[in-house]
């Protein structure tokens, strides 16, 4: 059975900086998910992913990440994407409070 398509964005890691980036509707890479193009059908999503994959001189590992369409910006649905949007500083703040330390 084919999996149901969810709205998605194309994301990857910047080859030079190492940080996450998101593909905009104009075909450029942005450091913020707010500018990401939300893809609403699988055909468009696959075409945008293929275009992103051809940008190997700029990014590494492009893939589709499912999002909820919030009024101000796309909102990631999975923990991995939430972590990538918020960045490691948010996670390291929580690690300072581990029991036993």
Foldseek 3Di string as FASTA:
>chain_A
DDDDDAWWWKKFAWPPPRAIWTAAPVGDTHNAQLRTDTDGDDVVQVVSQVSVVVVVVTGPDIDIFHFDQDPRGTHGDDPVVVCSNVDCVVVVVVVVPDPPD
